[in-house]
Amino acid sequence: MKSRGLFSRCGLILGLVFLYVPILSMIIFSFNNSRLVTVWDAAHSPTLKWYVALAANEQILRAAWLSIRIALVSSTGAVILGTLAGVALARFGAFRGRLLLAGMTTAPIVMPEVITGLSLLLLFVALQQLIGWPRGVGAVTITLAHITFCMAYVTVVVQSRLAGMDESLEEAAMDLGARPGRVFFRITLPLILPAIASGWLLAFTLSWDDLVITQFVAGPGSSTLPMVIFSKVRFGVTPDINALATILVLIVATGIAASTVWMRYQQRRRERDVLLAAAAN
């Protein structure tokens, strides 16, 4: 048993080292004084000049602001549609078209991004020819494309949470005369709120990070941050990219920490409510 525990700990440590040492080295080199991103300038002290250069780079700042707007709208739309699809699959039982809905909501997860991007591009072109909308490709088509594939991940998260949730509370509320809509907003929604928050964060990250699908449905003047970084990497990485990546890592880490604290608070609050209800009975 001790050898098994030691093997597990060693495997965990190696996995964490494999994942986070490259990120840590990137953060360290963002303070490098040299223009070479792989050679540390030992003759000079660490510097913040690449962060200053990043703040003056209008191309990257415009792309970052566009990516943030698209990710916010896409993740919110994906959460709304994905939550509805997850509730339908988990609570409505067997209905006509259920298998088709389940297949369509999970298809973007397993489908290659090249196929998804090409099919969405053809769809937008066909819609433009038929109804005149959308007018060309740009931020609107990128947002619609991101909602399409992010919705699948939210659906899986919400459906999994509902599948493992006790339905007795919902049944008790309906036995007391509550309508299905009131049961959903007063009972079901608060219970699955951590799953919805996790799905929103996942959708935001996927939308922010997507490159392949975005390249198919983006147009002139709608280059997102991954597209700008990819175009720069092909001609050589500059240290201001390390500074940008460090800022993104800090933002993501802050968001994860905040969401973890919030979900723990909600869990403790639910446990306290359950204990109070048991004591009252």
Protein backbone atom coordinates (compact mmCIF):
# COMPACT_ATOMS: atom_id res chain seq x y z
CA MET A 1 0.00 0.00 0.00
CA LYS A 2 2.87 2.39 0.78
CA SER A 3 4.50 1.71 -2.59
CA ARG A 4 1.18 2.35 -4.35
CA GLY A 5 0.77 5.65 -2.50
CA LEU A 6 4.34 6.66 -3.33
CA PHE A 7 3.78 5.80 -7.01
CA SER A 8 0.60 7.90 -7.07
CA ARG A 9 2.33 10.89 -5.50
CA CYS A 10 5.27 10.63 -7.89
CA GLY A 11 2.92 10.41 -10.85
CA LEU A 12 1.01 13.46 -9.62
CA ILE A 13 4.22 15.44 -9.14
CA LEU A 14 5.54 14.50 -12.59
CA GLY A 15 2.23 15.45 -14.17
CA LEU A 16 2.18 18.84 -12.46
CA VAL A 17 5.81 19.47 -13.44
CA PHE A 18 5.05 18.55 -17.06
CA LEU A 19 2.07 20.93 -17.14
CA TYR A 20 3.31 23.94 -15.21
CA VAL A 21 7.08 24.17 -15.69
CA PRO A 22 6.69 25.52 -19.27
CA ILE A 23 4.19 28.11 -18.00
CA LEU A 24 6.52 29.06 -15.16
CA SER A 25 9.47 29.46 -17.55
CA MET A 26 7.34 31.65 -19.82
CA ILE A 27 6.45 33.88 -16.86
CA ILE A 28 10.11 34.16 -15.86
CA PHE A 29 11.23 35.05 -19.38
CA SER A 30 8.59 37.78 -19.57
CA PHE A 31 10.93 39.75 -17.25
CA ASN A 32 14.00 39.03 -19.39
CA ASN A 33 15.98 42.06 -20.55
CA SER A 34 17.04 40.42 -23.80
CA ARG A 35 14.98 40.30 -27.00
CA LEU A 36 15.74 36.59 -27.21
CA VAL A 37 12.93 34.69 -25.56
CA THR A 38 15.02 31.59 -24.83
CA VAL A 39 18.26 33.20 -23.58
CA TRP A 40 18.32 34.91 -20.20
CA ASP A 41 20.28 38.18 -20.09
CA ALA A 42 22.36 37.66 -16.98
CA ALA A 43 24.21 40.96 -17.47
CA HIS A 44 21.11 43.02 -16.69
CA SER A 45 18.49 42.83 -13.97
CA PRO A 46 14.91 41.75 -14.66
CA THR A 47 12.79 44.39 -16.35
CA LEU A 48 9.17 45.35 -16.99
CA LYS A 49 9.85 46.97 -20.35
CA TRP A 50 8.02 44.25 -22.28
CA TYR A 51 4.87 44.94 -20.28
CA VAL A 52 5.27 48.62 -21.18
CA ALA A 53 5.76 47.65 -24.83
CA LEU A 54 2.66 45.48 -24.64
CA ALA A 55 0.59 48.37 -23.31
CA ALA A 56 1.65 50.43 -26.34
CA ASN A 57 0.84 47.69 -28.86
CA GLU A 58 -2.54 48.75 -30.26
CA GLN A 59 -2.90 45.67 -32.47
CA ILE A 60 -2.73 43.26 -29.55
CA LEU A 61 -4.93 45.43 -27.34
CA ARG A 62 -7.65 45.66 -30.01
CA ALA A 63 -7.50 41.91 -30.58
CA ALA A 64 -7.65 41.22 -26.83
CA TRP A 65 -10.68 43.50 -26.37
CA LEU A 66 -12.44 41.84 -29.33
CA SER A 67 -11.70 38.38 -27.91
CA ILE A 68 -13.06 39.40 -24.50
CA ARG A 69 -16.31 40.73 -25.99
CA ILE A 70 -16.81 37.66 -28.16
CA ALA A 71 -16.01 35.31 -25.27
CA LEU A 72 -18.44 37.07 -22.92
CA VAL A 73 -21.33 36.98 -25.39
CA SER A 74 -20.53 33.46 -26.59
CA SER A 75 -20.23 31.95 -23.12
CA THR A 76 -23.47 33.59 -21.97
CA GLY A 77 -25.38 32.42 -25.04
CA ALA A 78 -23.88 28.94 -24.76
CA VAL A 79 -24.87 28.71 -21.08
CA ILE A 80 -28.49 29.66 -21.83
CA LEU A 81 -28.89 27.22 -24.72
CA GLY A 82 -26.77 24.49 -23.12
CA THR A 83 -28.71 24.66 -19.85
CA LEU A 84 -32.02 24.32 -21.67
CA ALA A 85 -30.70 21.37 -23.70
CA GLY A 86 -29.25 19.71 -20.59
CA VAL A 87 -32.52 20.06 -18.68
CA ALA A 88 -34.47 18.65 -21.63
CA LEU A 89 -32.19 15.63 -21.92
CA ALA A 90 -32.05 14.95 -18.18
CA ARG A 91 -35.62 15.70 -17.08
CA PHE A 92 -38.02 15.29 -20.00
CA GLY A 93 -37.59 11.53 -20.30
CA ALA A 94 -38.15 9.81 -23.64
CA PHE A 95 -39.61 12.13 -26.28
CA ARG A 96 -39.60 12.23 -30.05
CA GLY A 97 -36.28 13.55 -31.29
CA ARG A 98 -34.42 12.98 -28.03
CA LEU A 99 -31.75 10.83 -29.65
CA LEU A 100 -31.33 13.39 -32.42
CA LEU A 101 -31.00 16.23 -29.89
CA ALA A 102 -28.45 14.30 -27.86
CA GLY A 103 -26.41 13.55 -30.95
CA MET A 104 -26.54 17.11 -32.26
CA THR A 105 -25.55 18.67 -28.93
CA THR A 106 -22.54 16.40 -28.47
CA ALA A 107 -21.38 16.27 -32.11
CA PRO A 108 -19.27 19.48 -31.93
CA ILE A 109 -17.20 17.90 -29.13
CA VAL A 110 -15.99 14.96 -31.23
CA MET A 111 -16.09 16.60 -34.66
CA PRO A 112 -12.76 17.96 -35.97
CA GLU A 113 -12.59 21.73 -35.74
CA VAL A 114 -11.66 22.01 -39.40
CA ILE A 115 -14.94 20.36 -40.40
CA THR A 116 -16.91 22.51 -37.96
CA GLY A 117 -15.31 25.73 -39.19
CA LEU A 118 -15.79 24.89 -42.85
CA SER A 119 -19.43 23.87 -42.37
CA LEU A 120 -20.19 27.06 -40.44
CA LEU A 121 -18.56 29.17 -43.13
CA LEU A 122 -20.67 27.50 -45.81
CA LEU A 123 -23.77 28.03 -43.67
CA PHE A 124 -23.10 31.74 -43.23
CA VAL A 125 -22.44 32.18 -46.94
CA ALA A 126 -25.69 30.38 -47.81
CA LEU A 127 -27.66 32.49 -45.30
CA GLN A 128 -26.21 35.66 -46.75
CA GLN A 129 -27.31 34.64 -50.23
CA LEU A 130 -30.81 33.63 -49.08
CA ILE A 131 -31.79 36.30 -46.53
CA GLY A 132 -28.94 38.79 -46.70
CA TRP A 133 -27.75 38.09 -43.15
CA PRO A 134 -25.10 37.95 -41.83
CA ARG A 135 -23.51 40.56 -44.05
CA GLY A 136 -20.08 39.08 -44.51
CA VAL A 137 -17.93 37.41 -41.91
CA GLY A 138 -16.73 39.17 -38.79
CA ALA A 139 -17.39 39.45 -35.08
CA VAL A 140 -21.02 38.34 -35.44
CA THR A 141 -20.17 35.13 -37.28
CA ILE A 142 -17.35 34.39 -34.85
CA THR A 143 -19.76 34.77 -31.93
CA LEU A 144 -22.36 32.50 -33.52
CA ALA A 145 -19.72 29.88 -34.30
CA HIS A 146 -18.39 29.95 -30.75
CA ILE A 147 -21.87 29.60 -29.29
CA THR A 148 -22.40 26.55 -31.49
CA PHE A 149 -19.49 24.49 -30.19
CA CYS A 150 -19.38 25.90 -26.63
CA MET A 151 -23.03 24.98 -26.13
CA ALA A 152 -22.11 21.29 -26.45
CA TYR A 153 -19.73 21.44 -23.49
CA VAL A 154 -22.23 23.31 -21.31
CA THR A 155 -24.91 20.74 -22.16
CA VAL A 156 -22.70 17.87 -21.04
CA VAL A 157 -21.80 19.61 -17.76
CA VAL A 158 -25.39 20.53 -16.88
CA GLN A 159 -26.80 17.15 -17.92
CA SER A 160 -24.22 15.34 -15.78
CA ARG A 161 -25.10 17.50 -12.77
CA LEU A 162 -28.82 16.88 -13.21
CA ALA A 163 -28.29 13.14 -13.67
CA GLY A 164 -26.59 12.90 -10.28
CA MET A 165 -29.05 15.17 -8.47
CA ASP A 166 -31.80 13.90 -6.21
CA GLU A 167 -35.21 14.58 -7.78
CA SER A 168 -37.10 14.29 -4.48
CA LEU A 169 -36.91 18.04 -3.83
CA GLU A 170 -38.43 18.84 -7.21
CA GLU A 171 -41.12 16.20 -6.76
CA ALA A 172 -41.94 17.50 -3.27
CA ALA A 173 -42.29 21.05 -4.60
CA MET A 174 -44.66 19.89 -7.35
CA ASP A 175 -46.66 17.85 -4.83
CA LEU A 176 -47.14 21.06 -2.85
CA GLY A 177 -48.62 22.75 -5.90
CA ALA A 178 -45.66 24.53 -7.46
CA ARG A 179 -45.73 24.88 -11.23
CA PRO A 180 -42.83 23.40 -13.27
CA GLY A 181 -41.45 26.84 -14.08
CA ARG A 182 -41.42 27.86 -10.42
CA VAL A 183 -39.83 24.54 -9.47
CA PHE A 184 -37.06 25.12 -11.99
CA PHE A 185 -36.23 28.65 -10.86
CA ARG A 186 -36.64 28.06 -7.11
CA ILE A 187 -35.30 24.49 -6.73
CA THR A 188 -33.48 23.17 -9.80
CA LEU A 189 -31.60 26.30 -10.86
CA PRO A 190 -29.97 27.03 -7.47
CA LEU A 191 -28.86 23.40 -7.20
CA ILE A 192 -27.24 23.33 -10.64
CA LEU A 193 -25.80 26.84 -10.38
CA PRO A 194 -22.25 25.57 -9.68
CA ALA A 195 -22.45 23.44 -12.83
CA ILE A 196 -23.73 26.43 -14.80
CA ALA A 197 -20.86 28.56 -13.48
CA SER A 198 -18.36 25.84 -14.42
CA GLY A 199 -19.91 25.59 -17.87
CA TRP A 200 -19.70 29.37 -18.31
CA LEU A 201 -16.03 29.41 -17.36
CA LEU A 202 -15.32 26.49 -19.67
CA ALA A 203 -17.19 28.15 -22.54
CA PHE A 204 -15.39 31.45 -21.94
CA THR A 205 -12.01 29.72 -22.01
CA LEU A 206 -12.82 27.75 -25.16
CA SER A 207 -14.10 30.85 -26.94
CA TRP A 208 -11.12 32.94 -25.85
CA ASP A 209 -8.66 30.24 -26.94
CA ASP A 210 -10.21 29.08 -30.23
CA LEU A 211 -8.14 29.53 -33.36
CA VAL A 212 -9.10 26.98 -36.02
CA ILE A 213 -12.84 27.67 -36.23
CA THR A 214 -12.29 31.40 -35.83
CA GLN A 215 -9.98 31.52 -38.84
CA PHE A 216 -12.77 30.14 -41.04
CA VAL A 217 -15.47 32.59 -39.95
CA ALA A 218 -13.38 35.73 -39.29
CA GLY A 219 -13.14 38.57 -41.75
CA PRO A 220 -10.99 41.67 -42.28
CA GLY A 221 -10.71 43.73 -39.13
CA SER A 222 -11.98 40.94 -36.86
CA SER A 223 -8.76 39.22 -35.86
CA THR A 224 -8.99 37.78 -32.38
CA LEU A 225 -6.10 37.52 -29.96
CA PRO A 226 -5.21 33.87 -30.81
CA MET A 227 -5.10 34.81 -34.50
CA VAL A 228 -2.76 37.75 -33.83
CA ILE A 229 -0.49 35.64 -31.60
CA PHE A 230 -0.38 32.83 -34.16
CA SER A 231 0.56 35.25 -36.93
CA LYS A 232 3.36 36.65 -34.77
CA VAL A 233 4.65 33.24 -33.73
CA ARG A 234 5.20 32.23 -37.34
CA PHE A 235 7.72 35.08 -37.71
CA GLY A 236 9.32 34.57 -34.30
CA VAL A 237 8.08 35.05 -30.78
CA THR A 238 8.83 38.40 -29.19
CA PRO A 239 9.11 38.94 -25.41
CA ASP A 240 5.93 41.04 -25.29
CA ILE A 241 4.02 37.85 -26.16
CA ASN A 242 5.44 36.31 -22.96
CA ALA A 243 4.19 39.36 -21.06
CA LEU A 244 0.74 38.99 -22.61
CA ALA A 245 0.63 35.29 -21.78
CA THR A 246 1.66 36.03 -18.19
CA ILE A 247 -1.21 38.48 -17.81
CA LEU A 248 -3.65 35.93 -19.24
CA VAL A 249 -2.40 33.26 -16.82
CA LEU A 250 -2.89 35.69 -13.92
CA ILE A 251 -6.44 36.51 -15.05
CA VAL A 252 -7.37 32.85 -15.45
CA ALA A 253 -5.86 31.90 -12.09
CA THR A 254 -7.75 34.72 -10.39
CA GLY A 255 -11.01 33.62 -11.99
CA ILE A 256 -10.50 30.00 -10.98
CA ALA A 257 -9.65 30.97 -7.41
CA ALA A 258 -12.68 33.24 -7.14
CA SER A 259 -15.03 30.61 -8.57
CA THR A 260 -13.61 27.95 -6.22
CA VAL A 261 -14.14 30.14 -3.18
CA TRP A 262 -17.67 31.00 -4.30
CA MET A 263 -18.63 27.36 -4.94
CA ARG A 264 -17.24 26.31 -1.54
CA TYR A 265 -19.27 29.05 0.10
CA GLN A 266 -22.41 27.88 -1.70
CA GLN A 267 -21.73 24.27 -0.70
CA ARG A 268 -21.28 25.19 2.97
CA ARG A 269 -24.43 27.29 2.83
CA ARG A 270 -26.44 24.39 1.44
CA GLU A 271 -25.05 22.03 4.08
CA ARG A 272 -25.96 24.53 6.81
CA ASP A 273 -29.50 24.85 5.43
CA VAL A 274 -29.87 21.07 5.39
CA LEU A 275 -28.71 20.82 9.02
CA LEU A 276 -31.09 23.58 10.09
CA ALA A 277 -33.98 21.89 8.31
CA ALA A 278 -33.13 18.56 9.94
CA ALA A 279 -32.92 20.20 13.35
CA ALA A 280 -36.28 21.90 12.86
CA ASN A 281 -37.92 18.58 12.06
